[in-house]
C-alpha cells in the first residue's frame, strides 16, 4: 500500500490525572466508543493509554475529514496525527 492510498487519521486525546485517572479514562473510552457507533464513524479506534501511574488518556482516532466536527462535538484536550 503506498502512502497516497492511506487516509490521514487524527487521534483525539482526553487527559485524566490523579488516583482515579485509570478508572475515569476507561469510562470515558466507553462513551467515545458509543459516540463513534451512534455517528457511524468510519473505522474508529478507541482506547486508553497509561502515561504514568497518575496520568491516563482516553482516545478516539478518526479520519481527518471528520475531525473538526468530532472535535467541536466532544472537546478533546488535544490531538495528534495518528501513526501506525
N, C-alpha and C. Protein backbone atom coordinates (compact mmCIF):
# COMPACT_ATOMS: atom_id res chain seq x y z
N UNK A 1 0.86 -1.18 0.00
CA UNK A 1 0.00 0.00 0.00
C UNK A 1 0.90 1.23 0.00
N UNK A 2 0.66 2.14 -0.94
CA UNK A 2 1.50 3.32 -0.96
C UNK A 2 0.93 4.42 -0.07
N UNK A 3 1.76 5.40 0.22
CA UNK A 3 1.39 6.46 1.15
C UNK A 3 0.15 7.23 0.69
N UNK A 4 -0.01 7.42 -0.61
CA UNK A 4 -1.14 8.18 -1.12
C UNK A 4 -2.47 7.47 -0.95
N UNK A 5 -2.45 6.14 -0.76
CA UNK A 5 -3.70 5.41 -0.61
C UNK A 5 -4.18 5.38 0.85
N UNK A 6 -3.35 5.85 1.76
CA UNK A 6 -3.74 5.88 3.17
C UNK A 6 -4.48 7.17 3.48
N UNK A 7 -5.59 7.04 4.21
CA UNK A 7 -6.30 8.24 4.65
C UNK A 7 -5.59 8.79 5.88
N UNK A 8 -5.55 10.11 5.96
CA UNK A 8 -4.98 10.72 7.15
C UNK A 8 -5.94 10.52 8.31
N UNK A 9 -5.38 10.15 9.45
CA UNK A 9 -6.17 9.89 10.65
C UNK A 9 -5.66 10.80 11.77
N UNK A 10 -6.57 11.19 12.65
CA UNK A 10 -6.24 12.07 13.77
C UNK A 10 -6.64 11.37 15.07
N UNK A 11 -5.76 11.43 16.05
CA UNK A 11 -6.01 10.86 17.37
C UNK A 11 -6.40 12.01 18.31
N UNK A 12 -7.68 12.00 18.71
CA UNK A 12 -8.17 12.99 19.66
C UNK A 12 -7.97 12.42 21.06
N UNK A 13 -7.47 13.26 21.98
CA UNK A 13 -7.00 12.76 23.28
C UNK A 13 -7.61 13.56 24.42
N UNK A 14 -8.04 12.81 25.45
CA UNK A 14 -8.54 13.40 26.70
C UNK A 14 -7.63 12.92 27.82
N UNK A 15 -7.09 13.86 28.59
CA UNK A 15 -6.17 13.56 29.69
C UNK A 15 -6.92 13.46 31.01
N UNK A 16 -6.53 12.48 31.81
CA UNK A 16 -7.07 12.33 33.16
C UNK A 16 -5.91 12.10 34.12
N UNK A 17 -5.92 12.85 35.22
CA UNK A 17 -4.82 12.77 36.19
C UNK A 17 -5.38 12.54 37.58
N UNK A 18 -4.59 11.88 38.40
CA UNK A 18 -4.96 11.65 39.79
C UNK A 18 -5.14 10.18 40.09
N UNK A 19 -5.50 9.87 41.33
CA UNK A 19 -5.58 8.47 41.76
C UNK A 19 -6.68 7.68 41.04
N UNK A 20 -7.70 8.35 40.51
CA UNK A 20 -8.79 7.66 39.80
C UNK A 20 -8.67 7.80 38.28
N UNK A 21 -7.53 8.26 37.80
CA UNK A 21 -7.37 8.55 36.37
C UNK A 21 -7.64 7.34 35.49
N UNK A 22 -7.16 6.17 35.86
CA UNK A 22 -7.36 4.98 35.03
C UNK A 22 -8.85 4.65 34.91
N UNK A 23 -9.55 4.66 36.03
CA UNK A 23 -10.97 4.34 36.04
C UNK A 23 -11.76 5.35 35.20
N UNK A 24 -11.44 6.61 35.35
CA UNK A 24 -12.16 7.66 34.61
C UNK A 24 -11.87 7.55 33.11
N UNK A 25 -10.62 7.31 32.75
CA UNK A 25 -10.25 7.19 31.34
C UNK A 25 -10.96 5.99 30.70
N UNK A 26 -11.02 4.87 31.40
CA UNK A 26 -11.72 3.69 30.87
C UNK A 26 -13.20 4.00 30.67
N UNK A 27 -13.80 4.67 31.61
CA UNK A 27 -15.22 5.03 31.49
C UNK A 27 -15.43 6.00 30.32
N UNK A 28 -14.55 6.95 30.18
CA UNK A 28 -14.66 7.92 29.09
C UNK A 28 -14.53 7.23 27.74
N UNK A 29 -13.63 6.24 27.64
CA UNK A 29 -13.44 5.50 26.39
C UNK A 29 -14.72 4.77 25.98
N UNK A 30 -15.50 4.30 26.96
CA UNK A 30 -16.79 3.66 26.65
C UNK A 30 -17.71 4.66 25.95
N UNK A 31 -17.76 5.87 26.47
CA UNK A 31 -18.60 6.90 25.86
C UNK A 31 -18.09 7.31 24.48
N UNK A 32 -16.78 7.33 24.30
CA UNK A 32 -16.23 7.63 22.98
C UNK A 32 -16.64 6.57 21.97
N UNK A 33 -16.58 5.31 22.39
CA UNK A 33 -16.98 4.20 21.52
C UNK A 33 -18.47 4.32 21.16
N UNK A 34 -19.30 4.62 22.14
CA UNK A 34 -20.74 4.80 21.90
C UNK A 34 -21.00 5.94 20.92
N UNK A 35 -20.27 7.05 21.08
CA UNK A 35 -20.40 8.18 20.17
C UNK A 35 -20.03 7.76 18.75
N UNK A 36 -18.92 7.05 18.60
CA UNK A 36 -18.47 6.62 17.28
C UNK A 36 -19.50 5.72 16.61
N UNK A 37 -20.11 4.84 17.38
CA UNK A 37 -21.15 3.97 16.82
C UNK A 37 -22.38 4.78 16.41
N UNK A 38 -22.82 5.66 17.28
CA UNK A 38 -24.01 6.49 17.02
C UNK A 38 -23.83 7.34 15.77
N UNK A 39 -22.63 7.89 15.61
CA UNK A 39 -22.34 8.77 14.47
C UNK A 39 -21.89 8.00 13.23
N UNK A 40 -21.80 6.68 13.33
CA UNK A 40 -21.37 5.81 12.22
C UNK A 40 -20.04 6.27 11.62
N UNK A 41 -19.08 6.55 12.51
CA UNK A 41 -17.76 6.98 12.04
C UNK A 41 -17.06 5.83 11.33
N UNK A 42 -16.27 6.16 10.34
CA UNK A 42 -15.54 5.18 9.55
C UNK A 42 -14.34 4.64 10.30
N UNK A 43 -14.36 3.36 10.64
CA UNK A 43 -13.23 2.67 11.26
C UNK A 43 -12.63 3.42 12.46
N UNK A 44 -13.44 3.78 13.45
CA UNK A 44 -12.90 4.49 14.61
C UNK A 44 -12.09 3.55 15.51
N UNK A 45 -11.13 4.11 16.17
CA UNK A 45 -10.37 3.36 17.18
C UNK A 45 -10.52 4.11 18.50
N UNK A 46 -10.82 3.38 19.56
CA UNK A 46 -10.91 3.98 20.89
C UNK A 46 -10.06 3.17 21.84
N UNK A 47 -9.65 3.80 22.93
CA UNK A 47 -8.88 3.07 23.92
C UNK A 47 -8.36 3.96 25.01
N UNK A 48 -7.52 3.34 25.83
CA UNK A 48 -6.92 4.01 26.99
C UNK A 48 -5.43 3.72 26.98
N UNK A 49 -4.63 4.70 27.33
CA UNK A 49 -3.18 4.52 27.45
C UNK A 49 -2.72 5.07 28.78
N UNK A 50 -1.74 4.40 29.36
CA UNK A 50 -1.12 4.86 30.60
C UNK A 50 0.09 5.72 30.26
N UNK A 51 0.08 6.93 30.76
CA UNK A 51 1.23 7.82 30.60
C UNK A 51 2.15 7.67 31.82
N UNK A 52 1.53 7.60 32.99
CA UNK A 52 2.23 7.34 34.24
C UNK A 52 1.21 6.76 35.22
N UNK A 53 1.65 6.51 36.43
CA UNK A 53 0.76 5.94 37.44
C UNK A 53 -0.44 6.84 37.73
N UNK A 54 -0.26 8.13 37.55
CA UNK A 54 -1.31 9.10 37.87
C UNK A 54 -1.81 9.87 36.64
N UNK A 55 -1.49 9.39 35.44
CA UNK A 55 -1.91 10.09 34.22
C UNK A 55 -2.28 9.05 33.17
N UNK A 56 -3.55 9.06 32.79
CA UNK A 56 -4.06 8.17 31.76
C UNK A 56 -4.77 9.02 30.72
N UNK A 57 -4.84 8.50 29.49
CA UNK A 57 -5.57 9.18 28.44
C UNK A 57 -6.59 8.23 27.83
N UNK A 58 -7.71 8.79 27.44
CA UNK A 58 -8.68 8.10 26.59
C UNK A 58 -8.53 8.73 25.21
N UNK A 59 -8.72 7.93 24.16
CA UNK A 59 -8.54 8.49 22.82
C UNK A 59 -9.57 7.95 21.84
N UNK A 60 -9.74 8.71 20.77
CA UNK A 60 -10.60 8.34 19.66
C UNK A 60 -9.86 8.73 18.39
N UNK A 61 -9.63 7.76 17.51
CA UNK A 61 -8.95 8.01 16.24
C UNK A 61 -10.02 8.08 15.14
N UNK A 62 -9.99 9.16 14.37
CA UNK A 62 -10.98 9.39 13.31
C UNK A 62 -10.28 9.82 12.03
N UNK A 63 -11.00 9.73 10.92
CA UNK A 63 -10.49 10.25 9.65
C UNK A 63 -10.36 11.77 9.76
N UNK A 64 -9.34 12.30 9.13
CA UNK A 64 -9.11 13.75 9.17
C UNK A 64 -10.31 14.52 8.64
N UNK A 65 -11.04 13.93 7.69
CA UNK A 65 -12.17 14.61 7.07
C UNK A 65 -13.31 14.92 8.04
N UNK A 66 -13.39 14.17 9.16
CA UNK A 66 -14.47 14.41 10.14
C UNK A 66 -13.93 14.96 11.46
N UNK A 67 -12.63 15.18 11.52
CA UNK A 67 -12.01 15.59 12.78
C UNK A 67 -12.60 16.87 13.36
N UNK A 68 -12.83 17.87 12.54
CA UNK A 68 -13.32 19.15 13.07
C UNK A 68 -14.71 18.99 13.69
N UNK A 69 -15.58 18.27 13.02
CA UNK A 69 -16.93 18.05 13.56
C UNK A 69 -16.88 17.26 14.87
N UNK A 70 -16.05 16.24 14.92
CA UNK A 70 -15.92 15.43 16.15
C UNK A 70 -15.27 16.27 17.25
N UNK A 71 -14.25 17.01 16.90
CA UNK A 71 -13.58 17.89 17.88
C UNK A 71 -14.56 18.88 18.49
N UNK A 72 -15.36 19.51 17.65
CA UNK A 72 -16.31 20.51 18.13
C UNK A 72 -17.39 19.88 19.01
N UNK A 73 -17.78 18.65 18.69
CA UNK A 73 -18.82 17.97 19.47
C UNK A 73 -18.30 17.45 20.81
N UNK A 74 -17.06 16.98 20.84
CA UNK A 74 -16.55 16.28 22.03
C UNK A 74 -15.51 17.04 22.84
N UNK A 75 -14.95 18.09 22.32
CA UNK A 75 -13.99 18.94 23.04
C UNK A 75 -12.80 18.18 23.65
N UNK A 76 -12.00 17.50 22.81
CA UNK A 76 -10.82 16.83 23.36
C UNK A 76 -9.83 17.84 23.91
N UNK A 77 -8.94 17.37 24.77
CA UNK A 77 -7.90 18.25 25.33
C UNK A 77 -6.81 18.54 24.29
N UNK A 78 -6.56 17.58 23.41
CA UNK A 78 -5.53 17.76 22.40
C UNK A 78 -5.70 16.71 21.32
N UNK A 79 -4.87 16.79 20.31
CA UNK A 79 -4.92 15.82 19.21
C UNK A 79 -3.56 15.71 18.57
N UNK A 80 -3.40 14.65 17.80
CA UNK A 80 -2.15 14.42 17.10
C UNK A 80 -2.43 13.59 15.85
N UNK A 81 -1.52 13.62 14.92
CA UNK A 81 -1.63 12.77 13.74
C UNK A 81 -1.45 11.34 14.22
N UNK A 82 -2.30 10.45 13.76
CA UNK A 82 -2.23 9.05 14.18
C UNK A 82 -1.23 8.30 13.31
N UNK A 83 -0.28 7.70 13.97
CA UNK A 83 0.76 6.94 13.28
C UNK A 83 0.62 5.46 13.67
N UNK A 84 0.62 4.60 12.67
CA UNK A 84 0.52 3.16 12.94
C UNK A 84 1.87 2.61 13.30
